[in-house]
N, C-alpha and C. Protein backbone atom coordinates (compact mmCIF):
# COMPACT_ATOMS: atom_id res chain seq x y z
N UNK A 1 -23.49 17.67 -55.67
CA UNK A 1 -22.06 17.75 -55.44
C UNK A 1 -21.57 19.19 -55.61
N UNK A 2 -20.71 19.65 -54.76
CA UNK A 2 -20.14 21.02 -54.85
C UNK A 2 -19.47 21.20 -56.19
N UNK A 3 -19.56 22.43 -56.67
CA UNK A 3 -19.00 22.77 -58.04
C UNK A 3 -17.43 22.60 -58.02
N UNK A 4 -16.74 22.93 -56.91
CA UNK A 4 -15.28 22.92 -56.88
C UNK A 4 -14.79 22.09 -55.72
N UNK A 5 -13.55 21.70 -55.86
CA UNK A 5 -12.92 20.93 -54.74
C UNK A 5 -12.77 21.89 -53.52
N UNK A 6 -12.61 23.16 -53.72
CA UNK A 6 -12.58 24.14 -52.62
C UNK A 6 -13.90 24.08 -51.85
N UNK A 7 -15.03 24.17 -52.51
CA UNK A 7 -16.30 24.16 -51.85
C UNK A 7 -16.52 22.83 -51.25
N UNK A 8 -16.12 21.72 -51.84
CA UNK A 8 -16.28 20.39 -51.29
C UNK A 8 -15.49 20.32 -49.98
N UNK A 9 -14.25 20.74 -49.93
CA UNK A 9 -13.53 20.67 -48.68
C UNK A 9 -14.12 21.53 -47.62
N UNK A 10 -14.55 22.77 -48.01
CA UNK A 10 -15.24 23.63 -47.04
C UNK A 10 -16.41 22.92 -46.39
N UNK A 11 -17.27 22.22 -47.25
CA UNK A 11 -18.41 21.60 -46.73
C UNK A 11 -18.05 20.39 -45.83
N UNK A 12 -17.03 19.66 -46.22
CA UNK A 12 -16.62 18.56 -45.39
C UNK A 12 -16.10 19.02 -44.02
N UNK A 13 -15.32 20.13 -44.03
CA UNK A 13 -14.76 20.58 -42.76
C UNK A 13 -15.85 21.20 -41.87
N UNK A 14 -16.90 21.83 -42.48
CA UNK A 14 -17.98 22.45 -41.73
C UNK A 14 -18.77 21.42 -40.98
N UNK A 15 -18.73 20.14 -41.40
CA UNK A 15 -19.49 19.10 -40.69
C UNK A 15 -18.80 18.68 -39.35
N UNK A 16 -17.60 19.07 -39.13
CA UNK A 16 -16.87 18.65 -37.96
C UNK A 16 -17.10 19.63 -36.86
N UNK A 17 -17.63 19.19 -35.76
CA UNK A 17 -17.87 19.98 -34.59
C UNK A 17 -16.62 19.94 -33.73
N UNK A 18 -16.06 21.14 -33.41
CA UNK A 18 -14.82 21.19 -32.64
C UNK A 18 -15.06 20.54 -31.29
N UNK A 19 -14.08 19.68 -30.91
CA UNK A 19 -14.15 18.94 -29.67
C UNK A 19 -14.78 17.52 -29.91
N UNK A 20 -15.29 17.24 -31.08
CA UNK A 20 -15.92 15.96 -31.27
C UNK A 20 -14.82 14.87 -31.48
N UNK A 21 -15.12 13.65 -31.28
CA UNK A 21 -14.23 12.55 -31.42
C UNK A 21 -14.49 11.87 -32.77
N UNK A 22 -13.43 11.69 -33.51
CA UNK A 22 -13.56 11.13 -34.89
C UNK A 22 -12.91 9.78 -34.91
N UNK A 23 -13.72 8.78 -35.31
CA UNK A 23 -13.24 7.40 -35.46
C UNK A 23 -12.29 7.33 -36.65
N UNK A 24 -11.22 6.51 -36.59
CA UNK A 24 -10.39 6.43 -37.71
C UNK A 24 -9.96 4.94 -37.92
N UNK A 25 -9.44 4.65 -39.12
CA UNK A 25 -8.80 3.43 -39.42
C UNK A 25 -7.53 3.85 -40.23
N UNK A 26 -6.36 3.34 -39.70
CA UNK A 26 -5.10 3.75 -40.24
C UNK A 26 -4.48 2.55 -40.87
N UNK A 27 -3.90 2.70 -42.04
CA UNK A 27 -3.16 1.68 -42.77
C UNK A 27 -1.79 2.16 -43.14
N UNK A 28 -0.75 1.43 -42.78
CA UNK A 28 0.61 1.84 -43.16
C UNK A 28 0.99 0.85 -44.23
N UNK A 29 1.28 1.39 -45.42
CA UNK A 29 1.73 0.60 -46.61
C UNK A 29 3.20 0.88 -46.86
N UNK A 30 3.92 -0.14 -47.11
CA UNK A 30 5.34 -0.11 -47.40
C UNK A 30 5.77 -1.37 -48.09
N UNK A 31 6.70 -1.18 -49.11
CA UNK A 31 7.16 -2.40 -49.83
C UNK A 31 7.81 -3.43 -48.92
N UNK A 32 8.36 -3.03 -47.79
CA UNK A 32 8.99 -3.99 -46.91
C UNK A 32 7.96 -4.81 -46.15
N UNK A 33 6.72 -4.38 -46.10
CA UNK A 33 5.68 -5.08 -45.36
C UNK A 33 4.94 -6.10 -46.27
N UNK A 34 4.67 -7.26 -45.80
CA UNK A 34 3.94 -8.25 -46.63
C UNK A 34 2.44 -7.85 -46.81
N UNK A 35 1.96 -7.19 -45.79
CA UNK A 35 0.59 -6.65 -45.78
C UNK A 35 0.56 -5.40 -44.98
N UNK A 36 -0.46 -4.53 -45.23
CA UNK A 36 -0.46 -3.19 -44.51
C UNK A 36 -0.61 -3.48 -43.01
N UNK A 37 -0.02 -2.62 -42.23
CA UNK A 37 -0.27 -2.59 -40.72
C UNK A 37 -1.47 -1.77 -40.56
N UNK A 38 -2.42 -2.27 -39.76
CA UNK A 38 -3.73 -1.58 -39.64
C UNK A 38 -3.92 -1.28 -38.10
N UNK A 39 -4.51 -0.19 -37.90
CA UNK A 39 -4.85 0.25 -36.48
C UNK A 39 -6.19 1.01 -36.53
N UNK A 40 -7.00 0.98 -35.51
CA UNK A 40 -8.28 1.70 -35.35
C UNK A 40 -8.30 2.40 -33.99
N UNK A 41 -9.06 3.49 -33.99
CA UNK A 41 -9.29 4.23 -32.70
C UNK A 41 -10.04 5.46 -32.92
N UNK A 42 -9.74 6.46 -32.04
CA UNK A 42 -10.42 7.74 -32.10
C UNK A 42 -9.47 8.86 -31.99
N UNK A 43 -9.77 10.00 -32.72
CA UNK A 43 -8.96 11.20 -32.68
C UNK A 43 -9.76 12.31 -32.10
N UNK A 44 -9.12 13.28 -31.32
CA UNK A 44 -9.82 14.46 -30.88
C UNK A 44 -8.70 15.49 -30.44
N UNK A 45 -9.12 16.76 -30.36
CA UNK A 45 -8.29 17.79 -29.88
C UNK A 45 -8.87 18.32 -28.59
N UNK A 46 -7.94 18.32 -27.57
CA UNK A 46 -8.39 18.84 -26.21
C UNK A 46 -8.39 20.32 -26.19
N UNK A 47 -8.88 20.95 -25.15
CA UNK A 47 -9.05 22.37 -25.05
C UNK A 47 -7.75 23.07 -25.23
N UNK A 48 -6.63 22.52 -24.75
CA UNK A 48 -5.32 23.23 -24.85
C UNK A 48 -4.66 23.03 -26.17
N UNK A 49 -5.37 22.41 -27.14
CA UNK A 49 -4.77 22.14 -28.51
C UNK A 49 -4.04 20.84 -28.65
N UNK A 50 -3.96 20.07 -27.60
CA UNK A 50 -3.33 18.77 -27.71
C UNK A 50 -4.12 17.80 -28.52
N UNK A 51 -3.47 17.23 -29.58
CA UNK A 51 -4.14 16.23 -30.39
C UNK A 51 -3.95 14.92 -29.74
N UNK A 52 -5.03 14.14 -29.59
CA UNK A 52 -5.05 12.88 -28.92
C UNK A 52 -5.44 11.77 -29.85
N UNK A 53 -4.67 10.72 -29.91
CA UNK A 53 -4.93 9.57 -30.77
C UNK A 53 -5.11 8.39 -29.87
N UNK A 54 -6.31 7.90 -29.61
CA UNK A 54 -6.53 6.78 -28.76
C UNK A 54 -6.81 5.55 -29.62
N UNK A 55 -5.77 4.70 -29.74
CA UNK A 55 -5.83 3.52 -30.56
C UNK A 55 -6.50 2.44 -29.75
N UNK A 56 -7.47 1.74 -30.29
CA UNK A 56 -8.14 0.65 -29.57
C UNK A 56 -7.79 -0.77 -30.18
N UNK A 57 -7.36 -0.80 -31.38
CA UNK A 57 -7.07 -2.05 -32.05
C UNK A 57 -5.88 -1.87 -32.93
N UNK A 58 -4.89 -2.78 -33.03
CA UNK A 58 -4.90 -4.08 -32.45
C UNK A 58 -4.40 -4.13 -31.02
N UNK A 59 -3.91 -2.99 -30.47
CA UNK A 59 -3.53 -2.94 -29.04
C UNK A 59 -3.86 -1.56 -28.55
N UNK A 60 -4.19 -1.42 -27.29
CA UNK A 60 -4.47 -0.14 -26.67
C UNK A 60 -3.24 0.73 -26.65
N UNK A 61 -3.43 1.97 -27.17
CA UNK A 61 -2.24 2.91 -27.12
C UNK A 61 -2.83 4.34 -27.12
N UNK A 62 -2.28 5.18 -26.36
CA UNK A 62 -2.76 6.56 -26.35
C UNK A 62 -1.57 7.48 -26.69
N UNK A 63 -1.70 8.29 -27.69
CA UNK A 63 -0.67 9.23 -28.05
C UNK A 63 -1.24 10.67 -27.87
N UNK A 64 -0.55 11.48 -27.17
CA UNK A 64 -0.97 12.90 -26.95
C UNK A 64 0.17 13.75 -27.56
N UNK A 65 -0.26 14.62 -28.51
CA UNK A 65 0.72 15.44 -29.19
C UNK A 65 0.48 16.88 -28.94
N UNK A 66 1.45 17.49 -28.21
CA UNK A 66 1.44 18.89 -27.86
C UNK A 66 2.05 19.73 -28.99
N UNK A 67 2.64 20.85 -28.58
CA UNK A 67 3.27 21.70 -29.59
C UNK A 67 4.65 21.25 -30.01
N UNK A 68 5.41 20.67 -29.02
CA UNK A 68 6.78 20.25 -29.33
C UNK A 68 7.05 18.81 -28.98
N UNK A 69 6.25 18.20 -28.13
CA UNK A 69 6.55 16.79 -27.73
C UNK A 69 5.30 15.93 -27.93
N UNK A 70 5.55 14.66 -28.04
CA UNK A 70 4.45 13.69 -28.02
C UNK A 70 4.74 12.68 -27.02
N UNK A 71 3.68 12.14 -26.37
CA UNK A 71 3.80 11.11 -25.37
C UNK A 71 2.94 9.90 -25.87
N UNK A 72 3.56 8.76 -25.66
CA UNK A 72 2.91 7.49 -26.05
C UNK A 72 2.78 6.60 -24.86
N UNK A 73 1.58 6.15 -24.53
CA UNK A 73 1.36 5.27 -23.46
C UNK A 73 0.65 3.99 -23.99
N UNK A 74 1.35 2.89 -23.76
CA UNK A 74 0.85 1.63 -24.38
C UNK A 74 0.20 0.75 -23.29
N UNK A 75 -0.92 0.26 -23.60
CA UNK A 75 -1.70 -0.67 -22.73
C UNK A 75 -1.81 -0.11 -21.31
N UNK A 76 -1.50 -0.92 -20.32
CA UNK A 76 -1.62 -0.60 -18.93
C UNK A 76 -0.38 0.07 -18.34
N UNK A 77 0.64 0.32 -19.19
CA UNK A 77 1.91 0.91 -18.77
C UNK A 77 1.60 2.28 -18.14
N UNK A 78 1.90 2.49 -16.89
CA UNK A 78 1.56 3.81 -16.28
C UNK A 78 2.49 4.97 -16.64
N UNK A 79 3.62 4.63 -17.27
CA UNK A 79 4.62 5.67 -17.62
C UNK A 79 4.65 5.88 -19.14
N UNK A 80 4.23 7.01 -19.65
CA UNK A 80 4.31 7.22 -21.06
C UNK A 80 5.73 7.58 -21.55
N UNK A 81 6.02 7.32 -22.78
CA UNK A 81 7.30 7.71 -23.37
C UNK A 81 7.12 9.12 -23.84
N UNK A 82 8.01 10.10 -23.57
CA UNK A 82 7.90 11.47 -24.04
C UNK A 82 9.11 11.77 -24.97
N UNK A 83 8.80 12.10 -26.21
CA UNK A 83 9.77 12.41 -27.23
C UNK A 83 9.41 13.62 -27.97
N UNK A 84 10.45 14.33 -28.54
CA UNK A 84 10.23 15.46 -29.42
C UNK A 84 9.46 14.94 -30.71
N UNK A 85 8.62 15.79 -31.23
CA UNK A 85 7.86 15.41 -32.43
C UNK A 85 8.82 15.37 -33.65
N UNK A 86 8.98 14.25 -34.29
CA UNK A 86 9.87 14.17 -35.42
C UNK A 86 9.43 15.15 -36.55
N UNK A 87 10.37 15.83 -37.14
CA UNK A 87 10.08 16.80 -38.28
C UNK A 87 9.18 16.22 -39.29
N UNK A 88 9.40 14.93 -39.72
CA UNK A 88 8.62 14.35 -40.77
C UNK A 88 7.16 14.18 -40.40
N UNK A 89 6.83 14.19 -39.14
CA UNK A 89 5.43 13.95 -38.61
C UNK A 89 4.67 15.30 -38.47
N UNK A 90 5.44 16.41 -38.39
CA UNK A 90 4.78 17.72 -38.19
C UNK A 90 3.67 17.98 -39.13
N UNK A 91 3.87 17.86 -40.44
CA UNK A 91 2.79 18.20 -41.39
C UNK A 91 1.49 17.35 -41.11
N UNK A 92 1.67 16.02 -40.84
CA UNK A 92 0.53 15.23 -40.57
C UNK A 92 -0.17 15.67 -39.23
N UNK A 93 0.66 15.91 -38.24
CA UNK A 93 0.10 16.34 -36.91
C UNK A 93 -0.74 17.67 -37.09
N UNK A 94 -0.16 18.64 -37.79
CA UNK A 94 -0.90 19.91 -37.96
C UNK A 94 -2.17 19.67 -38.79
N UNK A 95 -2.08 18.80 -39.73
CA UNK A 95 -3.32 18.51 -40.59
C UNK A 95 -4.36 17.82 -39.69
N UNK A 96 -3.95 16.88 -38.88
CA UNK A 96 -4.94 16.17 -38.00
C UNK A 96 -5.53 17.10 -36.96
N UNK A 97 -4.66 17.99 -36.43
CA UNK A 97 -5.17 18.92 -35.44
C UNK A 97 -6.21 19.85 -36.04
N UNK A 98 -5.93 20.33 -37.24
CA UNK A 98 -6.91 21.21 -37.90
C UNK A 98 -8.19 20.46 -38.33
N UNK A 99 -7.99 19.19 -38.78
CA UNK A 99 -9.15 18.42 -39.15
C UNK A 99 -9.98 18.09 -37.99
N UNK A 100 -9.43 17.61 -36.91
CA UNK A 100 -10.19 17.26 -35.72
C UNK A 100 -10.88 18.46 -35.05
N UNK A 101 -10.35 19.65 -35.32
CA UNK A 101 -10.94 20.92 -34.83
C UNK A 101 -12.02 21.45 -35.75
N UNK A 102 -12.03 20.85 -37.00
CA UNK A 102 -12.95 21.42 -38.03
C UNK A 102 -12.51 22.71 -38.54
N UNK A 103 -11.19 22.96 -38.54
CA UNK A 103 -10.62 24.29 -38.86
C UNK A 103 -10.06 24.36 -40.20
N UNK A 104 -10.78 24.74 -41.20
CA UNK A 104 -10.25 24.96 -42.58
C UNK A 104 -9.30 26.13 -42.50
N UNK A 105 -9.56 27.11 -41.70
CA UNK A 105 -8.66 28.23 -41.53
C UNK A 105 -7.29 27.72 -41.02
N UNK A 106 -7.33 26.80 -40.11
CA UNK A 106 -6.05 26.14 -39.62
C UNK A 106 -5.28 25.53 -40.69
N UNK A 107 -5.97 24.84 -41.64
CA UNK A 107 -5.33 24.15 -42.72
C UNK A 107 -4.65 25.24 -43.64
N UNK A 108 -5.43 26.26 -43.90
CA UNK A 108 -4.98 27.33 -44.82
C UNK A 108 -3.80 28.17 -44.16
N UNK A 109 -3.79 28.25 -42.83
CA UNK A 109 -2.74 28.96 -42.18
C UNK A 109 -1.42 28.17 -42.21
N UNK A 110 -1.49 26.86 -42.17
CA UNK A 110 -0.32 26.02 -42.07
C UNK A 110 0.13 25.55 -43.53
N UNK A 111 -0.67 25.61 -44.48
CA UNK A 111 -0.34 25.03 -45.76
C UNK A 111 -0.79 25.91 -46.94
N UNK A 112 -0.11 25.60 -48.09
CA UNK A 112 -0.57 26.16 -49.35
C UNK A 112 -1.42 24.94 -49.91
N UNK A 113 -2.71 25.18 -50.25
CA UNK A 113 -3.59 24.15 -50.60
C UNK A 113 -3.57 24.04 -52.15
N UNK A 114 -3.29 22.85 -52.71
CA UNK A 114 -3.28 22.66 -54.15
C UNK A 114 -4.42 21.65 -54.54
N UNK A 115 -5.40 22.21 -55.15
CA UNK A 115 -6.61 21.38 -55.45
C UNK A 115 -6.52 20.73 -56.83
N UNK A 116 -7.04 19.52 -56.99
CA UNK A 116 -7.11 18.87 -58.25
C UNK A 116 -8.20 17.84 -58.35
N UNK A 117 -8.42 17.24 -59.50
CA UNK A 117 -9.37 16.20 -59.67
C UNK A 117 -8.72 14.87 -59.45
N UNK A 118 -9.46 13.94 -58.97
CA UNK A 118 -8.97 12.55 -58.63
C UNK A 118 -10.13 11.54 -58.96
N UNK A 119 -10.00 10.83 -60.06
CA UNK A 119 -11.05 9.93 -60.40
C UNK A 119 -12.33 10.71 -60.57
N UNK A 120 -13.38 10.28 -59.87
CA UNK A 120 -14.64 10.99 -59.96
C UNK A 120 -14.77 12.02 -58.79
N UNK A 121 -13.67 12.28 -58.08
CA UNK A 121 -13.79 13.15 -56.97
C UNK A 121 -12.69 14.31 -56.98
N UNK A 122 -12.17 14.58 -55.81
CA UNK A 122 -11.16 15.69 -55.72
C UNK A 122 -10.04 15.28 -54.79
N UNK A 123 -8.93 16.06 -54.98
CA UNK A 123 -7.73 15.85 -54.18
C UNK A 123 -7.14 17.16 -53.76
N UNK A 124 -6.72 17.25 -52.58
CA UNK A 124 -6.10 18.50 -52.02
C UNK A 124 -4.70 18.09 -51.50
N UNK A 125 -3.66 18.71 -52.02
CA UNK A 125 -2.32 18.54 -51.48
C UNK A 125 -2.07 19.68 -50.55
N UNK A 126 -1.64 19.30 -49.32
CA UNK A 126 -1.30 20.27 -48.32
C UNK A 126 0.17 20.47 -48.32
N UNK A 127 0.60 21.65 -48.89
CA UNK A 127 2.04 21.89 -49.10
C UNK A 127 2.51 22.99 -48.13
N UNK A 128 3.49 22.61 -47.29
CA UNK A 128 4.08 23.62 -46.42
C UNK A 128 4.78 24.65 -47.31
N UNK A 129 4.98 25.85 -46.78
CA UNK A 129 5.62 26.88 -47.45
C UNK A 129 7.06 26.63 -47.76
N UNK A 130 7.66 25.58 -47.18
CA UNK A 130 9.07 25.31 -47.40
C UNK A 130 9.34 24.68 -48.76
N UNK A 131 8.34 24.57 -49.64
CA UNK A 131 8.59 24.07 -50.95
C UNK A 131 8.50 22.54 -51.07
N UNK A 132 7.99 21.81 -50.12
CA UNK A 132 7.86 20.36 -50.14
C UNK A 132 6.88 19.98 -51.34
N UNK A 133 7.26 18.94 -52.03
CA UNK A 133 6.47 18.47 -53.07
C UNK A 133 5.37 17.50 -52.59
N UNK A 134 4.44 17.06 -53.36
CA UNK A 134 3.37 16.19 -52.94
C UNK A 134 3.80 14.80 -52.63
N UNK A 135 5.03 14.41 -53.10
CA UNK A 135 5.46 13.04 -52.90
C UNK A 135 6.58 12.90 -51.87
N UNK A 136 7.10 14.01 -51.33
CA UNK A 136 8.17 13.91 -50.33
C UNK A 136 7.65 13.29 -49.04
N UNK A 137 8.56 12.65 -48.24
CA UNK A 137 8.13 12.13 -46.89
C UNK A 137 7.52 13.28 -46.07
N UNK A 138 6.35 13.04 -45.50
CA UNK A 138 5.66 14.03 -44.73
C UNK A 138 4.60 14.74 -45.47
N UNK A 139 4.61 14.68 -46.85
CA UNK A 139 3.60 15.37 -47.67
C UNK A 139 2.23 14.80 -47.39
N UNK A 140 1.23 15.67 -47.26
CA UNK A 140 -0.13 15.24 -46.92
C UNK A 140 -1.07 15.52 -48.10
N UNK A 141 -1.90 14.55 -48.34
CA UNK A 141 -2.94 14.67 -49.40
C UNK A 141 -4.32 14.29 -48.86
N UNK A 142 -5.31 15.04 -49.19
CA UNK A 142 -6.70 14.61 -48.78
C UNK A 142 -7.48 14.20 -50.07
N UNK A 143 -8.30 13.18 -49.99
CA UNK A 143 -9.06 12.76 -51.09
C UNK A 143 -10.59 12.72 -50.70
N UNK A 144 -11.44 13.06 -51.67
CA UNK A 144 -12.89 13.10 -51.31
C UNK A 144 -13.72 13.07 -52.56
N UNK A 145 -15.02 12.97 -52.30
CA UNK A 145 -15.95 13.02 -53.40
C UNK A 145 -17.22 13.81 -52.90
N UNK A 146 -17.54 14.84 -53.61
CA UNK A 146 -18.67 15.67 -53.13
C UNK A 146 -18.20 16.33 -51.83
N UNK A 147 -19.11 16.38 -50.84
CA UNK A 147 -18.74 16.97 -49.52
C UNK A 147 -18.22 15.87 -48.55
N UNK A 148 -17.81 14.73 -49.08
CA UNK A 148 -17.30 13.64 -48.26
C UNK A 148 -15.74 13.58 -48.31
N UNK A 149 -15.16 13.76 -47.18
CA UNK A 149 -13.64 13.55 -47.08
C UNK A 149 -13.53 12.01 -46.88
N UNK A 150 -12.77 11.38 -47.85
CA UNK A 150 -12.71 9.94 -47.81
C UNK A 150 -11.39 9.37 -47.28
N UNK A 151 -10.25 10.06 -47.60
CA UNK A 151 -9.01 9.48 -47.23
C UNK A 151 -7.97 10.61 -47.02
N UNK A 152 -7.12 10.39 -46.05
CA UNK A 152 -6.01 11.27 -45.79
C UNK A 152 -4.76 10.39 -46.07
N UNK A 153 -3.84 10.91 -46.75
CA UNK A 153 -2.63 10.12 -47.20
C UNK A 153 -1.33 10.96 -46.83
N UNK A 154 -0.40 10.26 -46.19
CA UNK A 154 0.91 10.92 -45.84
C UNK A 154 1.97 10.02 -46.45
N UNK A 155 2.85 10.63 -47.25
CA UNK A 155 4.03 9.91 -47.86
C UNK A 155 5.00 9.65 -46.73
N UNK A 156 5.52 8.51 -46.63
CA UNK A 156 6.43 8.11 -45.51
C UNK A 156 7.85 7.90 -46.00
N UNK A 157 8.10 7.94 -47.33
CA UNK A 157 9.44 7.72 -47.85
C UNK A 157 9.61 6.30 -48.24
N UNK A 158 10.56 5.97 -49.07
CA UNK A 158 10.78 4.64 -49.52
C UNK A 158 9.59 3.99 -50.15
N UNK A 159 8.79 4.77 -50.80
CA UNK A 159 7.58 4.29 -51.50
C UNK A 159 6.53 3.87 -50.54
N UNK A 160 6.67 4.32 -49.27
CA UNK A 160 5.64 4.00 -48.26
C UNK A 160 4.57 5.09 -48.19
N UNK A 161 3.51 4.75 -47.54
CA UNK A 161 2.35 5.62 -47.39
C UNK A 161 1.59 5.27 -46.12
N UNK A 162 1.11 6.27 -45.45
CA UNK A 162 0.27 6.14 -44.23
C UNK A 162 -1.11 6.63 -44.65
N UNK A 163 -2.14 5.77 -44.67
CA UNK A 163 -3.47 6.21 -45.04
C UNK A 163 -4.35 6.18 -43.82
N UNK A 164 -5.21 7.22 -43.74
CA UNK A 164 -6.08 7.41 -42.56
C UNK A 164 -7.48 7.63 -43.11
N UNK A 165 -8.43 6.83 -42.77
CA UNK A 165 -9.80 7.05 -43.11
C UNK A 165 -10.48 7.53 -41.77
N UNK A 166 -11.06 8.71 -41.81
CA UNK A 166 -11.72 9.28 -40.73
C UNK A 166 -13.18 9.32 -40.94
N UNK A 167 -14.02 8.86 -39.94
CA UNK A 167 -15.44 8.91 -40.07
C UNK A 167 -15.94 10.25 -39.53
N UNK A 168 -16.41 11.03 -40.45
CA UNK A 168 -16.89 12.38 -40.08
C UNK A 168 -18.35 12.25 -39.64
N UNK A 169 -18.75 13.20 -38.73
CA UNK A 169 -20.16 13.19 -38.26
C UNK A 169 -21.18 13.37 -39.43
């Protein structure tokens, strides 16, 4: 096991080959939901920096996120919806873009990293320079053990949380 959370995160990120596709399982937890909403699919970053989320379950959906807009195409619908990226999603989008690219430098450029211990492993809070706290909507936290990144968590507000488990190579 790496001696520090910093070394552990560096080792986890080094395992990601830029351009590779990462399988994910996403769970949305919120007090208003009787049970978590669950989705599965694949994430990758295209050559132009577009983050692509291809959901395969429970329904087919493709989300492509550029620098200012995101487009969502559901099922066989030939026309995607194009909308500006909501401000609350920007931290998660930048984190996923850096993660899917294997770019620890990208994480460090976009965030102040706050490392800590979590159970038998480590936690990294990704804090934008605007002073956001770890619990505000949009705040991103990574959890792991050793060189394994186990969970990405994004606060959604109203005691809600979006959890993403990414299968690294």
